[in-house]
Amino acid sequence: MPEDHAAPPQGALPNAGLPNDGATAATGDLARRLRAYITEQGFGHTARIPPERALAARFGVTRGALRKALDQLEDDGLIWRHVGRGTFI
């Protein structure tokens, strides 16, 4: 009986590299919340926002989830990050 799809290469994980819609939606939601927080706090241009640990605690998320949301904001050009110095507007 013919199969409808090819088997993944040996050693490959099923669905590896495919987005998890739930995680993607959660990251987008957190990025929107962070964007609103930055706007509401009135951080000026070149201002440093609170550290990752403080933001993760404030929003009740893991640092990994926060980093993904910050990645999105960085891709959008809202923030920039410098290792060891912080995250800036």
PDB file of N, CA and C in Angstrom:
ATOM      1  N   MET A   1       0.851  -1.176   0.000  1.00  0.00           N
ATOM      2  CA  MET A   1       0.000   0.000   0.000  1.00  0.00           C
ATOM      3  C   MET A   1       0.895   1.237   0.000  1.00  0.00           C
ATOM      4  N   PRO A   2       0.696   2.159  -0.955  1.00  0.00           N
ATOM      5  CA  PRO A   2       1.536   3.368  -1.014  1.00  0.00           C
ATOM      6  C   PRO A   2       1.237   4.317   0.137  1.00  0.00           C
ATOM      7  N   GLU A   3       2.300   4.987   0.592  1.00  0.00           N
ATOM      8  CA  GLU A   3       2.151   5.965   1.667  1.00  0.00           C
ATOM      9  C   GLU A   3       1.910   7.339   1.079  1.00  0.00           C
ATOM     10  N   ASP A   4       1.170   8.181   1.803  1.00  0.00           N
ATOM     11  CA  ASP A   4       0.858   9.532   1.350  1.00  0.00           C
ATOM     12  C   ASP A   4       2.013  10.497   1.549  1.00  0.00           C
ATOM     13  N   HIS A   5       2.940  10.164   2.428  1.00  0.00           N
ATOM     14  CA  HIS A   5       4.056  11.068   2.699  1.00  0.00           C
ATOM     15  C   HIS A   5       5.317  10.263   2.940  1.00  0.00           C
ATOM     16  N   ALA A   6       6.429  10.895   2.722  1.00  0.00           N
ATOM     17  CA  ALA A   6       7.714  10.229   2.923  1.00  0.00           C
ATOM     18  C   ALA A   6       8.068  10.245   4.395  1.00  0.00           C
ATOM     19  N   ALA A   7       8.794   9.247   4.808  1.00  0.00           N
ATOM     20  CA  ALA A   7       9.262   9.174   6.194  1.00  0.00           C
ATOM     21  C   ALA A   7      10.363  10.204   6.393  1.00  0.00           C
ATOM     22  N   PRO A   8      10.469  10.759   7.604  1.00  0.00           N
ATOM     23  CA  PRO A   8      11.549  11.711   7.862  1.00  0.00           C
ATOM     24  C   PRO A   8      12.893  11.008   7.791  1.00  0.00           C
ATOM     25  N   PRO A   9      13.957  11.742   7.487  1.00  0.00           N
ATOM     26  CA  PRO A   9      15.282  11.128   7.457  1.00  0.00           C
ATOM     27  C   PRO A   9      15.600  10.478   8.802  1.00  0.00           C
ATOM     28  N   GLN A  10      16.421   9.438   8.743  1.00  0.00           N
ATOM     29  CA  GLN A  10      16.783   8.733   9.963  1.00  0.00           C
ATOM     30  C   GLN A  10      17.427   9.697  10.951  1.00  0.00           C
ATOM     31  N   GLY A  11      16.954   9.663  12.186  1.00  0.00           N
ATOM     32  CA  GLY A  11      17.479  10.522  13.242  1.00  0.00           C
ATOM     33  C   GLY A  11      16.750  11.847  13.365  1.00  0.00           C
ATOM     34  N   ALA A  12      15.899  12.175  12.394  1.00  0.00           N
ATOM     35  CA  ALA A  12      15.155  13.439  12.466  1.00  0.00           C
ATOM     36  C   ALA A  12      13.967  13.287  13.399  1.00  0.00           C
ATOM     37  N   LEU A  13      13.652  14.344  14.083  1.00  0.00           N
ATOM     38  CA  LEU A  13      12.499  14.339  14.969  1.00  0.00           C
ATOM     39  C   LEU A  13      11.249  14.705  14.180  1.00  0.00           C
ATOM     40  N   PRO A  14      10.125  14.036  14.428  1.00  0.00           N
ATOM     41  CA  PRO A  14       8.904  14.418  13.740  1.00  0.00           C
ATOM     42  C   PRO A  14       8.537  15.865  14.064  1.00  0.00           C
ATOM     43  N   ASN A  15       8.124  16.618  13.082  1.00  0.00           N
ATOM     44  CA  ASN A  15       7.716  18.019  13.220  1.00  0.00           C
ATOM     45  C   ASN A  15       8.848  18.948  13.642  1.00  0.00           C
ATOM     46  N   ALA A  16      10.082  18.477  13.590  1.00  0.00           N
ATOM     47  CA  ALA A  16      11.208  19.341  13.956  1.00  0.00           C
ATOM     48  C   ALA A  16      11.259  20.529  13.012  1.00  0.00           C
ATOM     49  N   GLY A  17      11.407  21.707  13.570  1.00  0.00           N
ATOM     50  CA  GLY A  17      11.509  22.911  12.772  1.00  0.00           C
ATOM     51  C   GLY A  17      10.178  23.533  12.417  1.00  0.00           C
ATOM     52  N   LEU A  18       9.084  22.877  12.724  1.00  0.00           N
ATOM     53  CA  LEU A  18       7.774  23.445  12.449  1.00  0.00           C
ATOM     54  C   LEU A  18       7.330  24.274  13.641  1.00  0.00           C
ATOM     55  N   PRO A  19       6.693  25.416  13.390  1.00  0.00           N
ATOM     56  CA  PRO A  19       6.271  26.254  14.514  1.00  0.00           C
ATOM     57  C   PRO A  19       5.171  25.595  15.330  1.00  0.00           C
ATOM     58  N   ASN A  20       5.189  25.843  16.615  1.00  0.00           N
ATOM     59  CA  ASN A  20       4.132  25.398  17.502  1.00  0.00           C
ATOM     60  C   ASN A  20       3.165  26.571  17.607  1.00  0.00           C
ATOM     61  N   ASP A  21       1.996  26.446  16.991  1.00  0.00           N
ATOM     62  CA  ASP A  21       1.063  27.574  16.926  1.00  0.00           C
ATOM     63  C   ASP A  21       0.719  28.128  18.300  1.00  0.00           C
ATOM     64  N   GLY A  22       0.581  27.273  19.308  1.00  0.00           N
ATOM     65  CA  GLY A  22       0.285  27.753  20.652  1.00  0.00           C
ATOM     66  C   GLY A  22       1.418  28.584  21.209  1.00  0.00           C
ATOM     67  N   ALA A  23       2.643  28.111  21.028  1.00  0.00           N
ATOM     68  CA  ALA A  23       3.803  28.843  21.530  1.00  0.00           C
ATOM     69  C   ALA A  23       3.989  30.136  20.758  1.00  0.00           C
ATOM     70  N   THR A  24       3.761  30.091  19.439  1.00  0.00           N
ATOM     71  CA  THR A  24       3.901  31.288  18.620  1.00  0.00           C
ATOM     72  C   THR A  24       2.881  32.348  19.033  1.00  0.00           C
ATOM     73  N   ALA A  25       1.661  31.921  19.278  1.00  0.00           N
ATOM     74  CA  ALA A  25       0.621  32.855  19.715  1.00  0.00           C
ATOM     75  C   ALA A  25       0.960  33.439  21.080  1.00  0.00           C
ATOM     76  N   ALA A  26       1.458  32.605  21.980  1.00  0.00           N
ATOM     77  CA  ALA A  26       1.816  33.085  23.317  1.00  0.00           C
ATOM     78  C   ALA A  26       2.961  34.093  23.235  1.00  0.00           C
ATOM     79  N   THR A  27       3.935  33.835  22.370  1.00  0.00           N
ATOM     80  CA  THR A  27       5.051  34.766  22.202  1.00  0.00           C
ATOM     81  C   THR A  27       4.556  36.088  21.651  1.00  0.00           C
ATOM     82  N   GLY A  28       3.664  36.029  20.667  1.00  0.00           N
ATOM     83  CA  GLY A  28       3.107  37.249  20.097  1.00  0.00           C
ATOM     84  C   GLY A  28       2.320  38.042  21.118  1.00  0.00           C
ATOM     85  N   ASP A  29       1.541  37.332  21.952  1.00  0.00           N
ATOM     86  CA  ASP A  29       0.767  38.001  23.005  1.00  0.00           C
ATOM     87  C   ASP A  29       1.700  38.672  24.008  1.00  0.00           C
ATOM     88  N   LEU A  30       2.749  37.967  24.414  1.00  0.00           N
ATOM     89  CA  LEU A  30       3.696  38.540  25.364  1.00  0.00           C
ATOM     90  C   LEU A  30       4.417  39.733  24.740  1.00  0.00           C
ATOM     91  N   ALA A  31       4.771  39.640  23.472  1.00  0.00           N
ATOM     92  CA  ALA A  31       5.427  40.763  22.798  1.00  0.00           C
ATOM     93  C   ALA A  31       4.501  41.981  22.780  1.00  0.00           C
ATOM     94  N   ARG A  32       3.203  41.776  22.541  1.00  0.00           N
ATOM     95  CA  ARG A  32       2.247  42.894  22.571  1.00  0.00           C
ATOM     96  C   ARG A  32       2.156  43.495  23.972  1.00  0.00           C
ATOM     97  N   ARG A  33       2.147  42.634  24.994  1.00  0.00           N
ATOM     98  CA  ARG A  33       2.090  43.121  26.374  1.00  0.00           C
ATOM     99  C   ARG A  33       3.345  43.909  26.726  1.00  0.00           C
ATOM    100  N   LEU A  34       4.506  43.420  26.279  1.00  0.00           N
ATOM    101  CA  LEU A  34       5.761  44.134  26.532  1.00  0.00           C
ATOM    102  C   LEU A  34       5.772  45.485  25.818  1.00  0.00           C
ATOM    103  N   ARG A  35       5.292  45.514  24.585  1.00  0.00           N
ATOM    104  CA  ARG A  35       5.230  46.763  23.822  1.00  0.00           C
ATOM    105  C   ARG A  35       4.349  47.779  24.563  1.00  0.00           C
ATOM    106  N   ALA A  36       3.196  47.330  25.065  1.00  0.00           N
ATOM    107  CA  ALA A  36       2.293  48.206  25.819  1.00  0.00           C
ATOM    108  C   ALA A  36       2.964  48.687  27.101  1.00  0.00           C
ATOM    109  N   TYR A  37       3.664  47.792  27.794  1.00  0.00           N
ATOM    110  CA  TYR A  37       4.368  48.155  29.031  1.00  0.00           C
ATOM    111  C   TYR A  37       5.411  49.233  28.751  1.00  0.00           C
ATOM    112  N   ILE A  38       6.184  49.056  27.695  1.00  0.00           N
ATOM    113  CA  ILE A  38       7.226  50.024  27.346  1.00  0.00           C
ATOM    114  C   ILE A  38       6.598  51.388  27.060  1.00  0.00           C
ATOM    115  N   THR A  39       5.487  51.387  26.333  1.00  0.00           N
ATOM    116  CA  THR A  39       4.796  52.630  26.002  1.00  0.00           C
ATOM    117  C   THR A  39       4.220  53.286  27.257  1.00  0.00           C
ATOM    118  N   GLU A  40       3.564  52.490  28.100  1.00  0.00           N
ATOM    119  CA  GLU A  40       2.934  53.025  29.314  1.00  0.00           C
ATOM    120  C   GLU A  40       3.954  53.587  30.292  1.00  0.00           C
ATOM    121  N   GLN A  41       5.131  52.973  30.355  1.00  0.00           N
ATOM    122  CA  GLN A  41       6.159  53.428  31.296  1.00  0.00           C
ATOM    123  C   GLN A  41       6.859  54.690  30.811  1.00  0.00           C
ATOM    124  N   GLY A  42       6.676  55.018  29.547  1.00  0.00           N
ATOM    125  CA  GLY A  42       7.263  56.244  29.017  1.00  0.00           C
ATOM    126  C   GLY A  42       8.776  56.210  28.903  1.00  0.00           C
ATOM    127  N   PHE A  43       9.332  55.036  28.631  1.00  0.00           N
ATOM    128  CA  PHE A  43      10.785  54.952  28.438  1.00  0.00           C
ATOM    129  C   PHE A  43      11.166  55.807  27.238  1.00  0.00           C
ATOM    130  N   GLY A  44      12.158  56.652  27.408  1.00  0.00           N
ATOM    131  CA  GLY A  44      12.610  57.504  26.314  1.00  0.00           C
ATOM    132  C   GLY A  44      13.537  56.768  25.373  1.00  0.00           C
ATOM    133  N   HIS A  45      13.820  57.417  24.260  1.00  0.00           N
ATOM    134  CA  HIS A  45      14.737  56.846  23.274  1.00  0.00           C
ATOM    135  C   HIS A  45      16.092  56.614  23.928  1.00  0.00           C
ATOM    136  N   THR A  46      16.669  55.477  23.729  1.00  0.00           N
ATOM    137  CA  THR A  46      17.948  54.998  24.290  1.00  0.00           C
ATOM    138  C   THR A  46      17.853  54.613  25.766  1.00  0.00           C
ATOM    139  N   ALA A  47      16.650  54.626  26.351  1.00  0.00           N
ATOM    140  CA  ALA A  47      16.503  54.227  27.756  1.00  0.00           C
ATOM    141  C   ALA A  47      16.684  52.723  27.884  1.00  0.00           C
ATOM    142  N   ARG A  48      17.195  52.311  29.023  1.00  0.00           N
ATOM    143  CA  ARG A  48      17.344  50.880  29.307  1.00  0.00           C
ATOM    144  C   ARG A  48      16.095  50.406  30.029  1.00  0.00           C
ATOM    145  N   ILE A  49      15.537  49.283  29.576  1.00  0.00           N
ATOM    146  CA  ILE A  49      14.369  48.724  30.255  1.00  0.00           C
ATOM    147  C   ILE A  49      14.846  47.771  31.346  1.00  0.00           C
ATOM    148  N   PRO A  50      13.969  47.377  32.263  1.00  0.00           N
ATOM    149  CA  PRO A  50      14.379  46.493  33.358  1.00  0.00           C
ATOM    150  C   PRO A  50      15.008  45.182  32.844  1.00  0.00           C
ATOM    151  N   PRO A  51      15.826  44.557  33.686  1.00  0.00           N
ATOM    152  CA  PRO A  51      16.483  43.304  33.302  1.00  0.00           C
ATOM    153  C   PRO A  51      15.474  42.179  33.023  1.00  0.00           C
ATOM    154  N   GLU A  52      15.939  41.173  32.272  1.00  0.00           N
ATOM    155  CA  GLU A  52      15.093  40.038  31.909  1.00  0.00           C
ATOM    156  C   GLU A  52      14.446  39.382  33.119  1.00  0.00           C
ATOM    157  N   ARG A  53      15.211  39.178  34.170  1.00  0.00           N
ATOM    158  CA  ARG A  53      14.654  38.505  35.367  1.00  0.00           C
ATOM    159  C   ARG A  53      13.479  39.292  35.940  1.00  0.00           C
ATOM    160  N   ALA A  54      13.626  40.605  36.010  1.00  0.00           N
ATOM    161  CA  ALA A  54      12.558  41.445  36.558  1.00  0.00           C
ATOM    162  C   ALA A  54      11.334  41.436  35.651  1.00  0.00           C
ATOM    163  N   LEU A  55      11.548  41.503  34.339  1.00  0.00           N
ATOM    164  CA  LEU A  55      10.426  41.481  33.403  1.00  0.00           C
ATOM    165  C   LEU A  55       9.718  40.128  33.424  1.00  0.00           C
ATOM    166  N   ALA A  56      10.494  39.047  33.487  1.00  0.00           N
ATOM    167  CA  ALA A  56       9.894  37.708  33.534  1.00  0.00           C
ATOM    168  C   ALA A  56       9.029  37.562  34.782  1.00  0.00           C
ATOM    169  N   ALA A  57       9.512  38.044  35.918  1.00  0.00           N
ATOM    170  CA  ALA A  57       8.735  37.982  37.157  1.00  0.00           C
ATOM    171  C   ALA A  57       7.491  38.860  37.058  1.00  0.00           C
ATOM    172  N   ARG A  58       7.628  40.036  36.492  1.00  0.00           N
ATOM    173  CA  ARG A  58       6.503  40.970  36.361  1.00  0.00           C
ATOM    174  C   ARG A  58       5.380  40.380  35.508  1.00  0.00           C
ATOM    175  N   PHE A  59       5.741  39.692  34.429  1.00  0.00           N
ATOM    176  CA  PHE A  59       4.752  39.138  33.510  1.00  0.00           C
ATOM    177  C   PHE A  59       4.416  37.679  33.809  1.00  0.00           C
ATOM    178  N   GLY A  60       5.066  37.087  34.800  1.00  0.00           N
ATOM    179  CA  GLY A  60       4.766  35.715  35.199  1.00  0.00           C
ATOM    180  C   GLY A  60       5.103  34.677  34.143  1.00  0.00           C
ATOM    181  N   VAL A  61       6.247  34.880  33.459  1.00  0.00           N
ATOM    182  CA  VAL A  61       6.677  33.955  32.412  1.00  0.00           C
ATOM    183  C   VAL A  61       8.113  33.517  32.678  1.00  0.00           C
ATOM    184  N   THR A  62       8.551  32.511  31.960  1.00  0.00           N
ATOM    185  CA  THR A  62       9.941  32.080  32.078  1.00  0.00           C
ATOM    186  C   THR A  62      10.840  33.047  31.319  1.00  0.00           C
ATOM    187  N   ARG A  63      12.109  33.042  31.649  1.00  0.00           N
ATOM    188  CA  ARG A  63      13.043  33.908  30.925  1.00  0.00           C
ATOM    189  C   ARG A  63      13.144  33.488  29.467  1.00  0.00           C
ATOM    190  N   GLY A  64      13.003  32.202  29.190  1.00  0.00           N
ATOM    191  CA  GLY A  64      13.033  31.730  27.808  1.00  0.00           C
ATOM    192  C   GLY A  64      11.892  32.315  26.994  1.00  0.00           C
ATOM    193  N   ALA A  65      10.684  32.306  27.572  1.00  0.00           N
ATOM    194  CA  ALA A  65       9.522  32.885  26.887  1.00  0.00           C
ATOM    195  C   ALA A  65       9.721  34.388  26.704  1.00  0.00           C
ATOM    196  N   LEU A  66      10.253  35.039  27.721  1.00  0.00           N
ATOM    197  CA  LEU A  66      10.500  36.475  27.630  1.00  0.00           C
ATOM    198  C   LEU A  66      11.505  36.776  26.529  1.00  0.00           C
ATOM    199  N   ARG A  67      12.560  35.980  26.447  1.00  0.00           N
ATOM    200  CA  ARG A  67      13.579  36.208  25.417  1.00  0.00           C
ATOM    201  C   ARG A  67      12.998  36.083  24.015  1.00  0.00           C
ATOM    202  N   LYS A  68      12.101  35.129  23.811  1.00  0.00           N
ATOM    203  CA  LYS A  68      11.472  34.982  22.499  1.00  0.00           C
ATOM    204  C   LYS A  68      10.653  36.221  22.156  1.00  0.00           C
ATOM    205  N   ALA A  69       9.933  36.745  23.130  1.00  0.00           N
ATOM    206  CA  ALA A  69       9.145  37.960  22.897  1.00  0.00           C
ATOM    207  C   ALA A  69      10.073  39.153  22.638  1.00  0.00           C
ATOM    208  N   LEU A  70      11.171  39.232  23.388  1.00  0.00           N
ATOM    209  CA  LEU A  70      12.135  40.310  23.157  1.00  0.00           C
ATOM    210  C   LEU A  70      12.781  40.171  21.781  1.00  0.00           C
ATOM    211  N   ASP A  71      13.024  38.935  21.347  1.00  0.00           N
ATOM    212  CA  ASP A  71      13.551  38.710  19.990  1.00  0.00           C
ATOM    213  C   ASP A  71      12.610  39.323  18.960  1.00  0.00           C
ATOM    214  N   GLN A  72      11.321  39.119  19.162  1.00  0.00           N
ATOM    215  CA  GLN A  72      10.322  39.651  18.236  1.00  0.00           C
ATOM    216  C   GLN A  72      10.353  41.184  18.229  1.00  0.00           C
ATOM    217  N   LEU A  73      10.442  41.783  19.418  1.00  0.00           N
ATOM    218  CA  LEU A  73      10.506  43.249  19.497  1.00  0.00           C
ATOM    219  C   LEU A  73      11.791  43.783  18.878  1.00  0.00           C
ATOM    220  N   GLU A  74      12.873  43.019  19.025  1.00  0.00           N
ATOM    221  CA  GLU A  74      14.139  43.430  18.413  1.00  0.00           C
ATOM    222  C   GLU A  74      14.036  43.330  16.892  1.00  0.00           C
ATOM    223  N   ASP A  75      13.418  42.266  16.397  1.00  0.00           N
ATOM    224  CA  ASP A  75      13.212  42.114  14.952  1.00  0.00           C
ATOM    225  C   ASP A  75      12.353  43.252  14.398  1.00  0.00           C
ATOM    226  N   ASP A  76      11.410  43.739  15.209  1.00  0.00           N
ATOM    227  CA  ASP A  76      10.534  44.843  14.800  1.00  0.00           C
ATOM    228  C   ASP A  76      11.227  46.200  14.896  1.00  0.00           C
ATOM    229  N   GLY A  77      12.427  46.236  15.494  1.00  0.00           N
ATOM    230  CA  GLY A  77      13.172  47.481  15.601  1.00  0.00           C
ATOM    231  C   GLY A  77      12.802  48.341  16.798  1.00  0.00           C
ATOM    232  N   LEU A  78      11.988  47.816  17.718  1.00  0.00           N
ATOM    233  CA  LEU A  78      11.590  48.595  18.895  1.00  0.00           C
ATOM    234  C   LEU A  78      12.710  48.669  19.930  1.00  0.00           C
ATOM    235  N   ILE A  79      13.446  47.584  20.091  1.00  0.00           N
ATOM    236  CA  ILE A  79      14.512  47.518  21.100  1.00  0.00           C
ATOM    237  C   ILE A  79      15.797  47.023  20.464  1.00  0.00           C
ATOM    238  N   TRP A  80      16.886  47.204  21.197  1.00  0.00           N
ATOM    239  CA  TRP A  80      18.141  46.550  20.840  1.00  0.00           C
ATOM    240  C   TRP A  80      18.779  46.056  22.122  1.00  0.00           C
ATOM    241  N   ARG A  81      19.537  44.973  22.012  1.00  0.00           N
ATOM    242  CA  ARG A  81      20.150  44.367  23.203  1.00  0.00           C
ATOM    243  C   ARG A  81      21.661  44.314  23.061  1.00  0.00           C
ATOM    244  N   HIS A  82      22.303  44.504  24.188  1.00  0.00           N
ATOM    245  CA  HIS A  82      23.755  44.407  24.260  1.00  0.00           C
ATOM    246  C   HIS A  82      24.093  43.512  25.437  1.00  0.00           C
ATOM    247  N   VAL A  83      24.733  42.378  25.149  1.00  0.00           N
ATOM    248  CA  VAL A  83      25.060  41.404  26.191  1.00  0.00           C
ATOM    249  C   VAL A  83      25.883  42.079  27.279  1.00  0.00           C
ATOM    250  N   GLY A  84      25.454  41.911  28.522  1.00  0.00           N
ATOM    251  CA  GLY A  84      26.159  42.463  29.662  1.00  0.00           C
ATOM    252  C   GLY A  84      25.790  43.901  30.004  1.00  0.00           C
ATOM    253  N   ARG A  85      25.080  44.568  29.100  1.00  0.00           N
ATOM    254  CA  ARG A  85      24.676  45.962  29.360  1.00  0.00           C
ATOM    255  C   ARG A  85      23.187  46.107  29.542  1.00  0.00           C
ATOM    256  N   GLY A  86      22.387  45.334  28.781  1.00  0.00           N
ATOM    257  CA  GLY A  86      20.951  45.418  28.942  1.00  0.00           C
ATOM    258  C   GLY A  86      20.209  45.533  27.626  1.00  0.00           C
ATOM    259  N   THR A  87      18.918  45.845  27.771  1.00  0.00           N
ATOM    260  CA  THR A  87      18.018  46.015  26.628  1.00  0.00           C
ATOM    261  C   THR A  87      17.601  47.471  26.581  1.00  0.00           C
ATOM    262  N   PHE A  88      17.679  48.050  25.400  1.00  0.00           N
ATOM    263  CA  PHE A  88      17.455  49.479  25.238  1.00  0.00           C
ATOM    264  C   PHE A  88      16.382  49.748  24.201  1.00  0.00           C
ATOM    265  N   ILE A  89      15.744  50.903  24.341  1.00  0.00           N
ATOM    266  CA  ILE A  89      14.725  51.349  23.392  1.00  0.00           C
ATOM    267  C   ILE A  89      15.427  51.925  22.188  1.00  0.00           C
TER     268      ILE A  89
END
